[in-house]
């Protein structure tokens, strides 16, 4: 896992879908993307929601808007979260390729 190239690592950064999305798209999980709305399921920030601000493929971490910690010098920074601790509530579907891939996955699951 830690020697994987970045294009393979990207696919490993995935999270479970909410029950509504799971029923709609007939799939359990999706690759996380910037703009997806997520809920934190574990840890200090449990049950907090926000949009994915950025993804760090090298460290397998996602950063969510509004989830910040205060440093000792008083500044705030975003908290890196592991994607397995997140649940996708709403997908960013502005990308045509992602929408097409989702439709193909749904059609494959319906068979």
C-alpha atoms as a PDB file:
ATOM      1  CA  UNK A   1       0.000   0.000   0.000  1.00  0.00           C
ATOM      2  CA  UNK A   2       2.732   2.469   0.904  1.00  0.00           C
ATOM      3  CA  UNK A   3       4.822   1.723  -2.181  1.00  0.00           C
ATOM      4  CA  UNK A   4       1.854   2.173  -4.556  1.00  0.00           C
ATOM      5  CA  UNK A   5       2.122   4.847  -7.257  1.00  0.00           C
ATOM      6  CA  UNK A   6      -0.115   7.921  -6.964  1.00  0.00           C
ATOM      7  CA  UNK A   7      -2.593   6.869  -9.670  1.00  0.00           C
ATOM      8  CA  UNK A   8      -3.269   3.648  -7.731  1.00  0.00           C
ATOM      9  CA  UNK A   9      -3.331   5.443  -4.348  1.00  0.00           C
ATOM     10  CA  UNK A  10      -6.126   7.717  -5.600  1.00  0.00           C
ATOM     11  CA  UNK A  11      -8.448   4.737  -5.965  1.00  0.00           C
ATOM     12  CA  UNK A  12      -7.618   3.568  -2.425  1.00  0.00           C
ATOM     13  CA  UNK A  13      -8.932   6.836  -0.976  1.00  0.00           C
ATOM     14  CA  UNK A  14     -12.586   5.838  -0.859  1.00  0.00           C
ATOM     15  CA  UNK A  15     -15.406   6.107   1.654  1.00  0.00           C
ATOM     16  CA  UNK A  16     -18.771   4.434   2.240  1.00  0.00           C
ATOM     17  CA  UNK A  17     -21.908   6.003   0.808  1.00  0.00           C
ATOM     18  CA  UNK A  18     -24.930   6.971   2.923  1.00  0.00           C
ATOM     19  CA  UNK A  19     -27.925   4.597   2.884  1.00  0.00           C
ATOM     20  CA  UNK A  20     -29.839   6.828   0.435  1.00  0.00           C
ATOM     21  CA  UNK A  21     -26.927   7.013  -2.029  1.00  0.00           C
ATOM     22  CA  UNK A  22     -26.254   3.298  -1.622  1.00  0.00           C
ATOM     23  CA  UNK A  23     -29.862   2.506  -2.592  1.00  0.00           C
ATOM     24  CA  UNK A  24     -29.814   4.972  -5.496  1.00  0.00           C
ATOM     25  CA  UNK A  25     -26.495   3.920  -7.054  1.00  0.00           C
ATOM     26  CA  UNK A  26     -26.436   0.237  -5.973  1.00  0.00           C
ATOM     27  CA  UNK A  27     -22.854   0.507  -4.712  1.00  0.00           C
ATOM     28  CA  UNK A  28     -21.328   0.564  -1.228  1.00  0.00           C
ATOM     29  CA  UNK A  29     -18.405   2.973  -1.650  1.00  0.00           C
ATOM     30  CA  UNK A  30     -16.927   5.587  -3.955  1.00  0.00           C
ATOM     31  CA  UNK A  31     -13.571   7.286  -4.396  1.00  0.00           C
ATOM     32  CA  UNK A  32     -13.487  10.553  -2.451  1.00  0.00           C
ATOM     33  CA  UNK A  33     -13.213  13.797  -4.401  1.00  0.00           C
ATOM     34  CA  UNK A  34     -12.898  17.466  -3.586  1.00  0.00           C
ATOM     35  CA  UNK A  35     -16.408  18.881  -3.199  1.00  0.00           C
ATOM     36  CA  UNK A  36     -18.083  15.723  -1.855  1.00  0.00           C
ATOM     37  CA  UNK A  37     -20.164  16.348   1.268  1.00  0.00           C
ATOM     38  CA  UNK A  38     -19.118  13.970   4.066  1.00  0.00           C
ATOM     39  CA  UNK A  39     -19.900  13.122   7.682  1.00  0.00           C
ATOM     40  CA  UNK A  40     -17.175  12.139  10.159  1.00  0.00           C
ATOM     41  CA  UNK A  41     -18.021   8.755  11.703  1.00  0.00           C
ATOM     42  CA  UNK A  42     -15.185   8.276  14.229  1.00  0.00           C
ATOM     43  CA  UNK A  43     -12.984  10.289  16.548  1.00  0.00           C
ATOM     44  CA  UNK A  44     -13.086  13.725  18.118  1.00  0.00           C
ATOM     45  CA  UNK A  45     -15.118  15.252  15.270  1.00  0.00           C
ATOM     46  CA  UNK A  46     -17.786  12.503  15.124  1.00  0.00           C
ATOM     47  CA  UNK A  47     -21.128  13.509  13.522  1.00  0.00           C
ATOM     48  CA  UNK A  48     -19.679  16.738  12.047  1.00  0.00           C
ATOM     49  CA  UNK A  49     -20.356  17.344   8.355  1.00  0.00           C
ATOM     50  CA  UNK A  50     -18.689  19.414   5.659  1.00  0.00           C
ATOM     51  CA  UNK A  51     -17.320  19.433   2.140  1.00  0.00           C
ATOM     52  CA  UNK A  52     -14.009  17.850   1.243  1.00  0.00           C
ATOM     53  CA  UNK A  53     -11.556  20.736   0.810  1.00  0.00           C
ATOM     54  CA  UNK A  54      -8.603  18.705  -0.455  1.00  0.00           C
ATOM     55  CA  UNK A  55      -7.188  15.194  -0.677  1.00  0.00           C
ATOM     56  CA  UNK A  56      -3.593  14.228   0.102  1.00  0.00           C
ATOM     57  CA  UNK A  57      -2.870  11.076  -1.917  1.00  0.00           C
ATOM     58  CA  UNK A  58       0.643  10.676  -0.516  1.00  0.00           C
ATOM     59  CA  UNK A  59      -0.571  10.469   3.070  1.00  0.00           C
ATOM     60  CA  UNK A  60      -4.025   8.884   2.370  1.00  0.00           C
ATOM     61  CA  UNK A  61      -5.806  11.793   4.091  1.00  0.00           C
ATOM     62  CA  UNK A  62      -8.820  14.020   3.378  1.00  0.00           C
ATOM     63  CA  UNK A  63      -9.342  17.538   4.703  1.00  0.00           C
ATOM     64  CA  UNK A  64     -12.912  18.698   5.420  1.00  0.00           C
ATOM     65  CA  UNK A  65     -14.100  22.325   5.543  1.00  0.00           C
ATOM     66  CA  UNK A  66     -14.977  23.439   9.065  1.00  0.00           C
ATOM     67  CA  UNK A  67     -13.004  20.743  10.871  1.00  0.00           C
ATOM     68  CA  UNK A  68     -10.126  22.675  12.385  1.00  0.00           C
ATOM     69  CA  UNK A  69      -7.852  22.492  15.409  1.00  0.00           C
ATOM     70  CA  UNK A  70      -6.214  25.406  17.166  1.00  0.00           C
ATOM     71  CA  UNK A  71      -2.435  25.309  17.357  1.00  0.00           C
ATOM     72  CA  UNK A  72      -0.487  26.524  20.387  1.00  0.00           C
ATOM     73  CA  UNK A  73       0.426  29.785  18.625  1.00  0.00           C
ATOM     74  CA  UNK A  74      -3.293  30.539  18.153  1.00  0.00           C
ATOM     75  CA  UNK A  75      -3.579  29.782  14.449  1.00  0.00           C
ATOM     76  CA  UNK A  76      -6.034  27.218  13.115  1.00  0.00           C
ATOM     77  CA  UNK A  77      -5.375  24.433  10.656  1.00  0.00           C
ATOM     78  CA  UNK A  78      -7.444  21.702   9.018  1.00  0.00           C
ATOM     79  CA  UNK A  79      -7.381  18.233  10.525  1.00  0.00           C
ATOM     80  CA  UNK A  80      -6.291  15.357   8.254  1.00  0.00           C
ATOM     81  CA  UNK A  81      -8.867  12.535   8.345  1.00  0.00           C
ATOM     82  CA  UNK A  82      -8.562   8.993   7.048  1.00  0.00           C
ATOM     83  CA  UNK A  83     -11.206   8.328   4.352  1.00  0.00           C
ATOM     84  CA  UNK A  84     -12.420   5.131   6.061  1.00  0.00           C
ATOM     85  CA  UNK A  85     -13.660   7.303   8.931  1.00  0.00           C
ATOM     86  CA  UNK A  86     -15.888   9.337   6.593  1.00  0.00           C
ATOM     87  CA  UNK A  87     -19.327   8.680   5.079  1.00  0.00           C
ATOM     88  CA  UNK A  88     -20.307  10.370   1.822  1.00  0.00           C
ATOM     89  CA  UNK A  89     -23.642  12.197   2.128  1.00  0.00           C
ATOM     90  CA  UNK A  90     -23.657  13.991  -1.223  1.00  0.00           C
ATOM     91  CA  UNK A  91     -21.542  13.423  -4.349  1.00  0.00           C
ATOM     92  CA  UNK A  92     -19.920  16.123  -6.479  1.00  0.00           C
ATOM     93  CA  UNK A  93     -21.320  15.249  -9.920  1.00  0.00           C
ATOM     94  CA  UNK A  94     -20.121  18.191 -12.032  1.00  0.00           C
ATOM     95  CA  UNK A  95     -17.511  15.925 -13.690  1.00  0.00           C
ATOM     96  CA  UNK A  96     -19.013  14.096 -16.691  1.00  0.00           C
ATOM     97  CA  UNK A  97     -16.516  11.199 -16.420  1.00  0.00           C
ATOM     98  CA  UNK A  98     -17.464  10.538 -12.797  1.00  0.00           C
ATOM     99  CA  UNK A  99     -21.172  10.656 -13.640  1.00  0.00           C
ATOM    100  CA  UNK A 100     -20.673   8.201 -16.518  1.00  0.00           C
ATOM    101  CA  UNK A 101     -18.634   5.834 -14.323  1.00  0.00           C
ATOM    102  CA  UNK A 102     -21.354   5.959 -11.672  1.00  0.00           C
ATOM    103  CA  UNK A 103     -24.059   5.164 -14.225  1.00  0.00           C
ATOM    104  CA  UNK A 104     -22.049   2.206 -15.550  1.00  0.00           C
ATOM    105  CA  UNK A 105     -21.540   0.950 -11.993  1.00  0.00           C
ATOM    106  CA  UNK A 106     -25.286   1.289 -11.315  1.00  0.00           C
ATOM    107  CA  UNK A 107     -26.177  -0.597 -14.517  1.00  0.00           C
ATOM    108  CA  UNK A 108     -23.682  -3.336 -13.624  1.00  0.00           C
ATOM    109  CA  UNK A 109     -25.180  -3.636 -10.100  1.00  0.00           C
ATOM    110  CA  UNK A 110     -28.746  -3.889 -11.496  1.00  0.00           C
ATOM    111  CA  UNK A 111     -27.923  -7.006 -13.561  1.00  0.00           C
END
